[in-house]
N, C-alpha and C. Protein backbone atom coordinates (compact mmCIF):
# COMPACT_ATOMS: atom_id res chain seq x y z
N MET A 1 38.84 151.04 -161.00
CA MET A 1 37.66 150.57 -161.79
C MET A 1 36.92 152.06 -162.65
N GLN A 2 37.07 151.77 -163.74
CA GLN A 2 36.41 153.18 -164.68
C GLN A 2 35.14 153.23 -165.06
N ILE A 3 34.06 153.85 -164.61
CA ILE A 3 32.74 153.54 -164.99
C ILE A 3 32.80 153.93 -166.43
N PRO A 4 31.99 153.38 -167.33
CA PRO A 4 31.99 154.15 -168.60
C PRO A 4 30.91 155.19 -168.59
N HIS A 5 30.99 156.28 -169.73
CA HIS A 5 30.45 157.22 -169.60
C HIS A 5 29.45 157.22 -170.66
N PHE A 6 27.98 157.46 -171.27
CA PHE A 6 27.35 157.17 -172.11
C PHE A 6 26.87 158.54 -172.45
N SER A 7 27.28 158.80 -173.79
CA SER A 7 27.31 160.27 -174.64
C SER A 7 25.61 160.53 -174.40
N GLU A 8 24.46 159.42 -174.33
CA GLU A 8 23.24 159.55 -174.74
C GLU A 8 22.60 160.78 -173.57
N ALA A 9 23.39 160.46 -172.15
CA ALA A 9 23.21 161.66 -171.28
C ALA A 9 22.80 162.71 -171.57
N ASN A 10 23.60 163.13 -172.73
CA ASN A 10 23.82 164.81 -172.65
C ASN A 10 23.28 165.01 -173.77
N HIS A 11 22.11 164.24 -174.34
CA HIS A 11 21.18 163.99 -175.50
C HIS A 11 19.92 165.19 -174.56
N PRO A 12 19.23 166.24 -175.75
CA PRO A 12 18.82 166.75 -175.28
C PRO A 12 17.36 166.01 -174.68
N LEU A 13 16.94 165.09 -175.70
CA LEU A 13 15.79 164.70 -175.25
C LEU A 13 15.69 163.80 -173.88
N VAL A 14 17.01 163.29 -173.86
CA VAL A 14 17.51 162.96 -172.32
C VAL A 14 17.10 163.72 -171.00
N LYS A 15 18.00 164.58 -171.68
CA LYS A 15 18.16 165.71 -170.73
C LYS A 15 17.08 166.84 -170.17
N SER A 16 16.16 166.68 -170.82
CA SER A 16 14.74 166.84 -170.33
C SER A 16 13.98 166.36 -169.93
N LEU A 17 14.44 165.33 -169.49
CA LEU A 17 13.64 164.13 -168.50
C LEU A 17 14.43 163.83 -167.18
N PHE A 18 15.17 164.56 -167.22
CA PHE A 18 16.04 164.41 -165.73
C PHE A 18 15.20 164.77 -164.55
N HIS A 19 14.27 165.94 -164.43
CA HIS A 19 13.43 166.60 -163.39
C HIS A 19 12.58 165.37 -163.19
N HIS A 20 11.95 164.23 -163.94
CA HIS A 20 11.18 163.60 -163.45
C HIS A 20 11.27 162.50 -162.50
N SER A 21 10.74 162.23 -161.69
CA SER A 21 10.90 160.88 -160.65
C SER A 21 11.14 159.82 -161.33
N ASP A 22 11.95 158.68 -160.30
CA ASP A 22 11.51 157.33 -161.12
C ASP A 22 10.40 156.65 -161.12
N LEU A 23 9.23 157.27 -159.99
CA LEU A 23 8.18 156.73 -160.82
C LEU A 23 7.43 157.19 -161.82
N GLU A 24 7.49 158.61 -161.77
CA GLU A 24 7.15 159.06 -163.12
C GLU A 24 7.84 158.58 -164.37
N LEU A 25 8.96 158.38 -164.18
CA LEU A 25 9.67 157.95 -165.33
C LEU A 25 9.24 156.00 -165.57
N ILE A 26 9.14 155.69 -164.90
CA ILE A 26 8.15 154.12 -164.82
C ILE A 26 6.93 154.16 -165.74
N ASN A 27 5.91 155.28 -165.30
CA ASN A 27 4.67 155.29 -165.54
C ASN A 27 4.71 155.86 -167.36
N LEU A 28 5.45 156.92 -167.42
CA LEU A 28 5.78 157.29 -168.72
C LEU A 28 6.38 156.26 -169.59
N PHE A 29 7.03 155.47 -168.74
CA PHE A 29 7.83 154.43 -170.04
C PHE A 29 6.58 153.35 -170.20
N GLN A 30 5.96 152.78 -169.23
CA GLN A 30 4.86 151.85 -169.39
C GLN A 30 3.64 152.75 -170.35
N LEU A 31 3.49 153.50 -170.15
CA LEU A 31 2.52 154.16 -170.87
C LEU A 31 2.48 154.59 -172.49
N ASN A 32 4.03 154.53 -173.01
CA ASN A 32 4.36 155.22 -173.87
C ASN A 32 5.18 154.11 -174.35
N PRO A 33 4.79 152.73 -174.95
CA PRO A 33 5.51 151.66 -175.11
C PRO A 33 6.32 152.10 -176.93
N ASP A 34 6.10 153.13 -177.43
CA ASP A 34 6.44 153.37 -178.95
C ASP A 34 7.83 154.45 -178.55
N ALA A 35 7.96 154.95 -176.75
CA ALA A 35 8.91 156.13 -177.13
C ALA A 35 10.34 155.49 -176.08
N GLY A 36 11.46 155.51 -176.54
CA GLY A 36 12.52 155.18 -175.87
C GLY A 36 13.41 155.47 -175.12
N LYS A 37 12.77 156.86 -175.01
CA LYS A 37 13.77 158.43 -173.90
C LYS A 37 13.38 157.66 -172.78
N TYR A 38 12.21 157.02 -172.20
CA TYR A 38 12.01 157.10 -170.91
C TYR A 38 13.00 156.20 -170.19
N PHE A 39 12.94 155.28 -171.20
CA PHE A 39 14.21 154.07 -170.47
C PHE A 39 15.46 154.35 -170.71
N THR A 40 15.57 154.68 -171.53
CA THR A 40 17.22 155.70 -171.64
C THR A 40 17.31 155.88 -170.72
N THR A 41 16.59 157.10 -170.43
CA THR A 41 16.78 158.17 -168.92
C THR A 41 17.02 157.42 -167.92
N ILE A 42 16.00 156.07 -167.46
CA ILE A 42 16.37 155.09 -166.30
C ILE A 42 17.87 154.36 -166.54
N PHE A 43 18.58 153.98 -167.83
CA PHE A 43 19.61 153.80 -167.75
C PHE A 43 20.86 154.73 -167.72
N CYS A 44 20.42 155.68 -167.87
CA CYS A 44 21.40 156.91 -167.47
C CYS A 44 21.73 157.39 -166.21
N ARG A 45 20.44 157.53 -165.68
CA ARG A 45 20.50 157.32 -164.03
C ARG A 45 21.17 156.52 -163.27
N TYR A 46 20.67 155.14 -163.81
CA TYR A 46 21.30 153.75 -162.85
C TYR A 46 22.39 153.28 -163.50
N SER A 47 22.70 153.50 -164.71
CA SER A 47 23.81 152.42 -165.05
C SER A 47 24.95 152.41 -164.55
N PRO A 48 25.52 153.73 -163.61
CA PRO A 48 26.84 153.58 -162.62
C PRO A 48 27.01 152.56 -161.62
N ILE A 49 25.31 152.29 -160.89
CA ILE A 49 25.18 151.18 -159.86
C ILE A 49 25.05 150.25 -160.28
N VAL A 50 24.66 149.89 -161.66
CA VAL A 50 24.43 148.55 -162.34
C VAL A 50 25.70 148.07 -162.46
N TYR A 51 26.45 149.05 -163.49
CA TYR A 51 28.04 148.37 -163.75
C TYR A 51 28.70 148.39 -162.34
N THR A 52 28.67 148.94 -161.69
CA THR A 52 29.79 148.91 -160.25
C THR A 52 29.58 147.43 -160.06
N LEU A 53 28.08 146.85 -159.50
CA LEU A 53 28.16 145.61 -159.29
C LEU A 53 28.49 144.52 -160.06
N ILE A 54 28.35 144.65 -161.32
CA ILE A 54 28.62 144.00 -162.36
C ILE A 54 30.05 143.65 -162.28
N ARG A 55 30.65 144.45 -162.63
CA ARG A 55 32.47 144.73 -162.69
C ARG A 55 33.15 144.11 -161.73
N HIS A 56 32.82 144.24 -160.45
CA HIS A 56 32.88 143.71 -158.91
C HIS A 56 32.57 141.90 -159.43
N SER A 57 31.47 141.52 -159.91
CA SER A 57 31.27 140.13 -160.13
C SER A 57 31.96 139.57 -161.32
N ALA A 58 32.78 140.19 -162.23
CA ALA A 58 32.68 139.47 -163.43
C ALA A 58 34.23 138.97 -163.23
N ARG A 59 34.58 138.64 -164.34
CA ARG A 59 36.08 137.88 -164.49
C ARG A 59 37.03 138.97 -164.91
N SER A 60 36.49 139.58 -166.44
CA SER A 60 37.11 140.18 -167.43
C SER A 60 35.90 141.16 -167.32
N PRO A 61 36.65 142.47 -167.85
CA PRO A 61 35.86 143.54 -168.84
C PRO A 61 35.16 143.39 -170.09
N VAL A 62 35.65 142.58 -170.28
CA VAL A 62 34.68 141.81 -171.81
C VAL A 62 33.37 141.38 -171.09
N GLN A 63 33.60 140.51 -170.16
CA GLN A 63 32.61 139.65 -169.54
C GLN A 63 31.72 140.52 -169.00
N ALA A 64 32.13 141.34 -168.23
CA ALA A 64 31.58 142.50 -167.53
C ALA A 64 30.60 143.39 -168.20
N ASP A 65 30.98 143.89 -169.47
CA ASP A 65 30.51 144.75 -170.23
C ASP A 65 29.21 143.75 -170.92
N TYR A 66 29.24 142.54 -171.20
CA TYR A 66 28.20 142.18 -172.09
C TYR A 66 27.59 141.62 -170.71
N LEU A 67 27.55 141.07 -169.65
CA LEU A 67 26.83 141.01 -168.59
C LEU A 67 26.30 142.19 -168.58
N PHE A 68 26.50 143.51 -168.60
CA PHE A 68 25.95 144.77 -168.15
C PHE A 68 24.80 145.12 -169.56
N ALA A 69 25.22 144.25 -170.51
CA ALA A 69 24.37 144.73 -171.63
C ALA A 69 22.79 143.95 -171.39
N LEU A 70 23.27 142.48 -171.15
CA LEU A 70 22.08 141.51 -170.82
C LEU A 70 21.34 142.14 -169.49
N THR A 71 21.99 142.34 -168.39
CA THR A 71 21.16 143.02 -167.46
C THR A 71 20.10 143.99 -167.63
N TRP A 72 20.51 144.97 -168.73
CA TRP A 72 19.42 146.04 -168.81
C TRP A 72 18.49 145.70 -169.77
N LYS A 73 19.24 144.11 -170.94
CA LYS A 73 18.17 144.30 -171.39
C LYS A 73 17.11 143.27 -170.62
N HIS A 74 17.68 142.55 -169.55
CA HIS A 74 16.49 141.65 -168.65
C HIS A 74 15.67 142.59 -167.70
N ILE A 75 16.33 143.92 -167.60
CA ILE A 75 15.50 145.30 -166.74
C ILE A 75 14.74 145.96 -168.09
N TYR A 76 14.57 145.78 -169.12
CA TYR A 76 13.88 146.09 -170.01
C TYR A 76 12.88 145.56 -170.00
N HIS A 77 12.64 144.18 -170.09
CA HIS A 77 11.58 143.19 -170.48
C HIS A 77 10.59 143.25 -169.38
N GLU A 78 11.00 143.51 -167.57
CA GLU A 78 11.05 143.10 -166.76
C GLU A 78 9.93 144.56 -166.14
N LEU A 79 10.97 145.30 -166.29
CA LEU A 79 10.27 147.01 -165.98
C LEU A 79 8.82 147.15 -166.71
N ALA A 80 8.08 146.50 -167.81
CA ALA A 80 6.67 147.20 -168.28
C ALA A 80 5.85 146.39 -167.49
N GLY A 81 6.27 145.26 -166.60
CA GLY A 81 5.10 145.16 -165.79
C GLY A 81 5.64 145.25 -163.84
N LEU A 82 6.35 146.22 -163.80
CA LEU A 82 7.05 146.89 -162.43
C LEU A 82 5.42 147.91 -162.24
N ASP A 83 5.30 147.42 -160.89
CA ASP A 83 4.24 148.09 -159.89
C ASP A 83 4.77 148.77 -158.89
N LEU A 84 5.47 149.51 -158.08
CA LEU A 84 5.94 150.02 -156.63
C LEU A 84 4.79 150.36 -156.00
N THR A 85 3.22 150.40 -156.35
CA THR A 85 2.38 151.19 -155.50
C THR A 85 1.47 149.74 -155.18
N LEU A 86 2.20 148.64 -155.53
CA LEU A 86 1.47 147.17 -154.92
C LEU A 86 1.65 147.35 -153.86
N PRO A 87 0.41 146.05 -152.85
CA PRO A 87 0.57 146.22 -151.54
C PRO A 87 1.87 145.22 -151.40
N GLY A 88 2.63 145.52 -150.30
CA GLY A 88 4.03 144.68 -150.05
C GLY A 88 5.14 145.22 -150.54
N ASN A 89 5.09 146.51 -151.75
CA ASN A 89 6.16 147.11 -152.13
C ASN A 89 6.46 148.62 -151.68
N GLU A 90 5.77 148.79 -150.58
CA GLU A 90 5.65 150.13 -150.03
C GLU A 90 6.88 150.76 -149.82
N ASN A 91 7.77 149.77 -149.79
CA ASN A 91 9.41 150.30 -149.20
C ASN A 91 10.01 149.81 -150.31
N LEU A 92 9.73 149.59 -151.30
CA LEU A 92 11.07 149.32 -152.73
C LEU A 92 10.56 150.27 -153.28
N THR A 93 11.83 150.54 -153.50
CA THR A 93 12.21 152.07 -154.44
C THR A 93 13.02 151.63 -155.76
N LEU A 94 12.76 151.92 -156.53
CA LEU A 94 13.34 151.78 -157.99
C LEU A 94 14.78 151.10 -158.28
N GLN A 95 15.48 152.24 -157.43
CA GLN A 95 17.02 151.92 -156.78
C GLN A 95 16.94 150.49 -156.58
N ASN A 96 16.37 149.94 -155.42
CA ASN A 96 16.55 148.72 -155.03
C ASN A 96 15.96 147.87 -155.50
N TRP A 97 14.87 147.89 -156.45
CA TRP A 97 14.33 146.67 -157.74
C TRP A 97 15.41 146.74 -158.97
N LEU A 98 16.14 147.56 -159.12
CA LEU A 98 17.30 147.31 -159.74
C LEU A 98 18.25 146.85 -159.61
N ILE A 99 18.74 146.97 -158.22
CA ILE A 99 19.73 146.11 -157.40
C ILE A 99 19.33 144.68 -157.52
N ASN A 100 17.91 144.29 -157.33
CA ASN A 100 17.64 143.10 -157.09
C ASN A 100 17.84 142.22 -158.44
N MET A 101 17.41 142.99 -159.45
CA MET A 101 17.82 142.86 -161.11
C MET A 101 18.96 142.06 -161.08
N THR A 102 19.68 142.86 -160.90
CA THR A 102 21.06 143.22 -161.28
C THR A 102 21.45 141.62 -160.54
N ALA A 103 21.53 141.43 -159.38
CA ALA A 103 21.94 140.49 -158.36
C ALA A 103 21.58 138.95 -158.95
N TYR A 104 20.22 139.32 -159.58
CA TYR A 104 19.66 137.95 -160.19
C TYR A 104 20.19 137.88 -161.45
N CYS A 105 20.70 139.13 -162.02
CA CYS A 105 21.39 138.26 -163.88
C CYS A 105 22.79 137.64 -163.37
N ILE A 106 23.75 138.48 -162.39
CA ILE A 106 24.65 138.25 -162.00
C ILE A 106 25.03 136.63 -161.32
N ASN A 107 23.87 136.44 -160.65
CA ASN A 107 23.77 135.09 -160.49
C ASN A 107 22.99 133.70 -161.17
N GLU A 108 22.38 134.03 -162.53
CA GLU A 108 21.47 133.07 -162.97
C GLU A 108 22.01 133.09 -164.52
N ILE A 109 22.69 133.94 -165.11
CA ILE A 109 23.05 133.99 -166.33
C ILE A 109 24.68 133.54 -166.63
N GLU A 110 24.61 132.64 -167.53
CA GLU A 110 25.94 131.98 -167.72
C GLU A 110 26.52 132.80 -168.89
N LEU A 111 27.91 133.45 -168.73
CA LEU A 111 28.47 133.94 -169.44
C LEU A 111 28.95 132.93 -170.61
N PRO A 112 29.59 133.66 -171.56
CA PRO A 112 30.16 132.23 -172.71
C PRO A 112 31.82 132.80 -172.31
N PRO A 113 32.83 132.04 -172.55
CA PRO A 113 33.94 132.69 -172.42
C PRO A 113 34.71 134.03 -173.18
N THR A 114 35.43 135.04 -172.75
CA THR A 114 35.99 136.38 -173.03
C THR A 114 36.26 136.20 -174.76
N GLU A 115 37.09 134.75 -175.28
CA GLU A 115 37.03 135.27 -176.78
C GLU A 115 35.68 134.81 -177.41
N ALA A 116 34.49 134.37 -177.09
CA ALA A 116 33.52 133.98 -177.87
C ALA A 116 32.11 135.34 -177.61
N ILE A 117 32.43 136.29 -176.82
CA ILE A 117 31.53 137.45 -176.89
C ILE A 117 32.62 138.42 -177.80
N HIS A 118 31.48 138.92 -178.45
CA HIS A 118 31.67 139.84 -179.95
C HIS A 118 30.91 140.91 -179.37
N TYR A 119 30.17 141.42 -178.21
CA TYR A 119 29.54 142.73 -178.07
C TYR A 119 30.80 144.11 -177.26
N SER A 120 30.37 144.52 -177.85
CA SER A 120 31.07 145.99 -178.03
C SER A 120 30.20 146.88 -177.11
N LEU A 121 30.48 147.55 -175.64
CA LEU A 121 29.59 148.50 -174.92
C LEU A 121 29.80 149.83 -175.81
N LYS A 122 30.71 150.25 -176.11
CA LYS A 122 31.19 151.15 -177.11
C LYS A 122 30.46 151.57 -178.13
N ALA A 123 30.26 150.13 -179.12
CA ALA A 123 29.86 150.47 -180.26
C ALA A 123 27.86 150.47 -180.04
N THR A 124 27.41 149.49 -179.68
CA THR A 124 26.28 149.47 -178.72
C THR A 124 26.12 149.78 -177.32
N SER A 125 24.81 150.70 -176.90
CA SER A 125 24.56 151.14 -175.72
C SER A 125 23.22 150.08 -175.45
N PRO A 126 23.23 149.53 -174.43
CA PRO A 126 22.22 148.85 -173.91
C PRO A 126 20.93 149.22 -174.41
N PRO A 127 20.44 150.20 -174.30
CA PRO A 127 19.22 150.61 -174.74
C PRO A 127 19.08 150.71 -176.11
N LEU A 128 20.39 150.83 -176.89
CA LEU A 128 19.79 150.92 -178.24
C LEU A 128 19.89 149.46 -178.67
N TRP A 129 20.67 148.55 -177.90
CA TRP A 129 20.76 147.13 -178.07
C TRP A 129 19.32 146.46 -177.99
N CYS A 130 18.63 146.68 -176.96
CA CYS A 130 17.11 146.62 -176.58
C CYS A 130 15.85 146.98 -177.70
N TYR A 131 16.05 148.13 -178.16
CA TYR A 131 15.35 148.64 -179.23
C TYR A 131 15.58 148.10 -180.62
N VAL A 132 16.89 147.84 -180.88
CA VAL A 132 17.21 147.32 -182.13
C VAL A 132 16.60 145.89 -182.28
N GLU A 133 17.00 145.19 -180.98
CA GLU A 133 16.12 143.54 -180.54
C GLU A 133 14.73 143.72 -181.45
N GLN A 134 13.69 144.91 -180.30
CA GLN A 134 12.71 144.99 -180.38
C GLN A 134 12.17 144.84 -181.98
N SER A 135 12.71 145.95 -182.55
CA SER A 135 12.71 145.97 -184.20
C SER A 135 12.86 144.96 -185.21
N LEU A 136 13.56 144.16 -184.81
CA LEU A 136 13.53 142.79 -185.63
C LEU A 136 13.23 142.15 -185.30
N GLU A 137 12.28 142.00 -184.16
CA GLU A 137 11.07 141.13 -184.01
C GLU A 137 10.40 141.41 -184.72
N GLN A 138 10.16 142.56 -185.28
CA GLN A 138 8.83 143.01 -186.34
C GLN A 138 9.04 142.94 -187.62
N LEU A 139 10.68 142.18 -188.49
CA LEU A 139 10.67 141.80 -189.34
C LEU A 139 10.43 140.78 -189.93
N PRO A 140 9.75 140.45 -191.28
CA PRO A 140 9.36 139.33 -191.94
C PRO A 140 10.46 138.25 -191.42
N PRO A 141 10.28 137.06 -191.37
CA PRO A 141 11.02 136.30 -190.94
C PRO A 141 12.44 136.09 -191.78
N MET A 142 12.67 135.92 -193.15
CA MET A 142 13.37 135.61 -193.86
C MET A 142 14.32 136.88 -193.89
N LEU A 143 13.69 138.56 -194.13
CA LEU A 143 14.81 139.61 -193.77
C LEU A 143 15.66 139.68 -192.42
N ARG A 144 14.80 139.22 -191.51
CA ARG A 144 15.24 139.11 -189.96
C ARG A 144 16.40 137.97 -190.13
N LEU A 145 16.35 137.31 -190.86
CA LEU A 145 17.48 136.00 -190.78
C LEU A 145 18.58 136.67 -191.40
N MET A 146 18.16 136.98 -192.47
CA MET A 146 19.72 137.93 -193.41
C MET A 146 20.18 138.42 -192.47
N VAL A 147 19.53 139.57 -191.82
CA VAL A 147 20.11 140.72 -190.87
C VAL A 147 20.94 139.95 -189.76
N LEU A 148 20.74 139.11 -189.44
CA LEU A 148 21.27 138.14 -187.88
C LEU A 148 22.45 137.66 -188.82
N MET A 149 22.48 137.02 -190.08
CA MET A 149 23.82 136.12 -190.38
C MET A 149 24.85 137.46 -191.15
N ALA A 150 24.25 138.35 -191.23
CA ALA A 150 25.33 139.42 -191.65
C ALA A 150 25.89 140.27 -190.80
N GLN A 151 24.68 140.26 -189.88
CA GLN A 151 25.19 141.52 -188.74
C GLN A 151 25.93 140.93 -187.22
N THR A 152 25.28 139.66 -186.95
CA THR A 152 25.56 138.78 -186.05
C THR A 152 27.00 137.67 -186.30
N PHE A 153 26.18 137.10 -187.39
CA PHE A 153 27.50 135.95 -187.83
C PHE A 153 28.48 136.67 -189.00
N HIS A 154 28.36 137.71 -189.44
CA HIS A 154 29.43 138.28 -190.15
C HIS A 154 29.12 137.40 -191.42
N TRP A 155 28.61 136.93 -191.86
CA TRP A 155 28.26 135.90 -192.94
C TRP A 155 28.49 136.92 -194.48
N SER A 156 29.05 136.68 -195.79
CA SER A 156 29.17 137.46 -196.52
C SER A 156 27.31 137.02 -197.37
N GLU A 157 27.43 137.62 -198.56
CA GLU A 157 25.86 137.76 -199.11
C GLU A 157 25.96 136.36 -199.64
N THR A 158 27.29 135.81 -200.29
CA THR A 158 27.53 134.61 -200.76
C THR A 158 27.15 133.60 -200.36
N ARG A 159 27.80 133.07 -198.70
CA ARG A 159 27.40 132.50 -197.87
C ARG A 159 25.99 132.42 -197.57
N ILE A 160 25.36 133.78 -197.20
CA ILE A 160 24.23 133.80 -197.04
C ILE A 160 23.55 133.18 -198.30
N ALA A 161 23.61 133.34 -199.44
CA ALA A 161 22.32 133.13 -200.18
C ALA A 161 22.80 131.11 -200.45
N ALA A 162 24.17 130.67 -200.35
CA ALA A 162 24.49 129.54 -200.49
C ALA A 162 23.36 128.99 -199.16
N TYR A 163 23.32 129.06 -198.11
CA TYR A 163 22.85 128.87 -196.94
C TYR A 163 21.02 128.62 -197.04
N LEU A 164 20.72 129.65 -197.81
CA LEU A 164 19.23 129.58 -198.15
C LEU A 164 18.92 128.76 -199.55
N GLN A 165 20.16 128.23 -200.07
CA GLN A 165 19.85 127.64 -201.30
C GLN A 165 19.70 126.68 -200.87
N ALA A 166 20.45 126.13 -199.47
CA ALA A 166 20.67 124.50 -199.30
C ALA A 166 19.17 124.68 -198.35
N GLU A 167 18.53 125.62 -198.09
CA GLU A 167 17.01 125.67 -197.26
C GLU A 167 16.07 125.53 -198.58
N GLY A 168 16.70 125.70 -199.73
CA GLY A 168 15.16 125.66 -201.00
C GLY A 168 14.97 126.63 -201.13
N GLU A 169 15.65 127.80 -200.69
CA GLU A 169 15.07 128.95 -201.50
C GLU A 169 15.85 129.58 -202.58
N GLY A 170 15.32 129.73 -203.57
CA GLY A 170 16.35 130.37 -204.98
C GLY A 170 16.49 131.67 -205.07
N ILE A 171 17.72 132.12 -204.10
CA ILE A 171 17.92 133.44 -203.87
C ILE A 171 19.96 133.37 -204.33
N ALA A 172 19.77 134.56 -205.17
CA ALA A 172 21.27 134.71 -205.79
C ALA A 172 21.83 135.86 -204.96
N PRO A 173 23.29 135.50 -204.83
CA PRO A 173 23.92 136.68 -204.08
C PRO A 173 23.85 138.66 -204.03
N HIS A 174 23.48 138.51 -205.30
CA HIS A 174 23.35 139.91 -206.04
C HIS A 174 21.82 140.54 -204.92
N GLU A 175 20.77 138.92 -204.60
CA GLU A 175 19.55 139.48 -204.67
C GLU A 175 19.73 139.51 -202.72
N VAL A 176 20.52 139.00 -202.11
CA VAL A 176 20.73 138.90 -201.03
C VAL A 176 21.26 140.24 -200.32
N ALA A 177 21.78 141.19 -201.42
CA ALA A 177 22.31 142.40 -201.01
C ALA A 177 21.22 143.32 -200.90
N ASN A 178 20.02 143.34 -202.14
CA ASN A 178 18.97 144.04 -201.69
C ASN A 178 18.11 143.92 -200.69
N PHE A 179 17.86 142.30 -200.34
CA PHE A 179 17.35 142.14 -199.39
C PHE A 179 17.78 142.94 -197.85
N LEU A 180 19.34 142.38 -198.20
CA LEU A 180 19.87 143.36 -196.91
C LEU A 180 19.67 144.98 -196.31
N GLN A 181 19.79 145.27 -197.95
CA GLN A 181 19.20 146.75 -197.68
C GLN A 181 17.75 146.98 -197.22
N GLU A 182 16.90 146.06 -197.71
CA GLU A 182 15.51 146.40 -197.41
C GLU A 182 15.68 146.10 -196.37
N GLY A 183 16.05 145.34 -195.72
CA GLY A 183 15.91 144.54 -194.17
C GLY A 183 16.27 146.01 -193.46
N TYR A 184 17.61 146.22 -193.19
CA TYR A 184 18.39 147.59 -192.68
C TYR A 184 17.22 148.47 -192.75
N ARG A 185 16.52 149.16 -194.07
CA ARG A 185 15.88 150.44 -194.20
C ARG A 185 14.58 149.61 -193.50
N MET A 186 14.03 148.76 -193.39
CA MET A 186 13.18 148.64 -192.14
C MET A 186 13.41 148.48 -190.77
N LEU A 187 13.96 147.93 -190.70
CA LEU A 187 14.86 148.21 -189.07
C LEU A 187 14.89 149.49 -188.65
N GLU A 188 15.31 150.02 -189.25
CA GLU A 188 15.12 151.69 -188.87
C GLU A 188 14.17 152.29 -188.75
N GLU A 189 13.28 152.07 -189.81
CA GLU A 189 12.15 152.67 -189.84
C GLU A 189 11.48 152.25 -188.50
N LYS A 190 11.49 150.88 -187.93
CA LYS A 190 10.81 150.36 -187.03
C LYS A 190 11.24 150.63 -185.65
N LEU A 191 12.30 151.38 -185.41
CA LEU A 191 13.02 151.99 -184.08
C LEU A 191 12.10 153.07 -183.70
N PRO A 192 11.84 153.22 -182.34
CA PRO A 192 11.14 154.77 -182.05
C PRO A 192 11.84 156.06 -182.81
N ILE A 193 11.34 156.88 -183.21
CA ILE A 193 11.90 158.20 -183.71
C ILE A 193 12.76 158.43 -182.39
N ASP A 194 12.53 158.43 -181.37
CA ASP A 194 13.41 159.35 -180.36
C ASP A 194 14.46 158.95 -180.03
N ILE A 195 14.69 157.04 -180.28
CA ILE A 195 15.65 156.17 -180.29
C ILE A 195 16.68 156.60 -181.62
N ARG A 196 16.09 156.73 -182.70
CA ARG A 196 16.63 157.20 -183.97
C ARG A 196 17.30 158.89 -183.68
N ALA A 197 17.00 159.60 -183.01
CA ALA A 197 17.55 161.02 -182.63
C ALA A 197 18.76 160.79 -181.64
N ILE A 198 18.15 159.92 -180.71
CA ILE A 198 19.16 159.85 -179.37
C ILE A 198 20.78 159.30 -180.31
N TYR A 199 20.64 158.15 -180.62
CA TYR A 199 21.49 157.26 -181.15
C TYR A 199 22.03 157.47 -182.31
N LEU A 200 21.31 157.91 -183.74
CA LEU A 200 21.39 157.77 -185.00
C LEU A 200 21.51 159.12 -185.22
N GLY A 201 21.40 160.36 -184.64
CA GLY A 201 21.34 161.71 -185.06
C GLY A 201 20.40 162.46 -185.76
N GLU A 202 19.44 161.45 -185.53
CA GLU A 202 18.19 161.85 -186.76
C GLU A 202 17.93 163.19 -185.95
N ASN A 203 17.02 164.08 -186.61
CA ASN A 203 16.77 165.40 -185.74
C ASN A 203 14.87 165.19 -186.15
N LEU A 204 14.78 165.85 -185.25
CA LEU A 204 13.24 165.85 -184.62
C LEU A 204 12.92 167.34 -184.69
N LEU A 205 11.63 167.70 -184.96
CA LEU A 205 11.01 168.94 -184.92
C LEU A 205 10.57 169.16 -183.53
N PRO A 206 11.06 170.72 -183.36
CA PRO A 206 10.94 171.23 -181.78
C PRO A 206 9.64 170.77 -180.98
N ALA A 207 8.76 170.20 -181.68
CA ALA A 207 7.63 170.22 -181.36
C ALA A 207 7.74 168.68 -180.73
N SER A 208 8.45 167.75 -180.71
CA SER A 208 8.18 166.33 -180.65
C SER A 208 9.24 166.32 -179.63
N VAL A 209 10.17 167.09 -179.08
CA VAL A 209 10.78 167.29 -177.77
C VAL A 209 10.28 167.45 -176.61
N GLY A 210 10.74 166.50 -175.44
CA GLY A 210 10.21 166.32 -174.02
C GLY A 210 9.07 165.74 -173.69
C-alpha cells in the first residue's frame, strides 16, 4: 500500500510549525480561526496514520481517498472543540483521538459506489477542501448555488440559466458567466491568506510567515 505524499508538507509556512507540539498546534488552531496553516500542519503530521487505517477498511482506492477526505472534514469540525486537558482526558493524546475519529468515520460514513465518486485526492487535498467549503458557506446564496452547479455538477452556463429561470430568476447564460467569475473571486478572497499561499502559490510578505 502506497501512502500518498502531500506537497504542502514542504511549504515554508507548514515547515515553520513542525517544532510545535500537538497541544500547541491544537491551541493555535482554536485561537486563530482565520489561519489554515495549523490544521494543515496537523494534517501533514498525521495523514499517514489516518490513511493507513482507512485504506485497510475501504473496498477500493477511490473509496479510500474519498473516505480519507471525509474523515479529515469531520476531524476539522470536531477539532475546534477538543480539549485534551479536561478531567478524564489525561491519557488521551491527539494521535489516539485521531484514531478514534477515524474509526468512527469508518464505521458511520456510508460511501457511494466507486463510479459515483468524483473526488480526486491529487486534485484537492483535504485541508484545502475544508477551507473551500468554509468559504463557500460565506458566499451569497445565489452565487454559492451557481458555483456548486458549475464545479460540483459540471453544468454549463446555459443549463444553470435554464434552471434558475425555471425557479423564477430572469438570468441569461452570459450573465451566469459574470456571476460565476464574481463567485470564484469572492471564494478565493474568503480563503485564509495562508491557505492561498500554501495551495494557490500566492506570495506572502516575509512578516506574515511563521
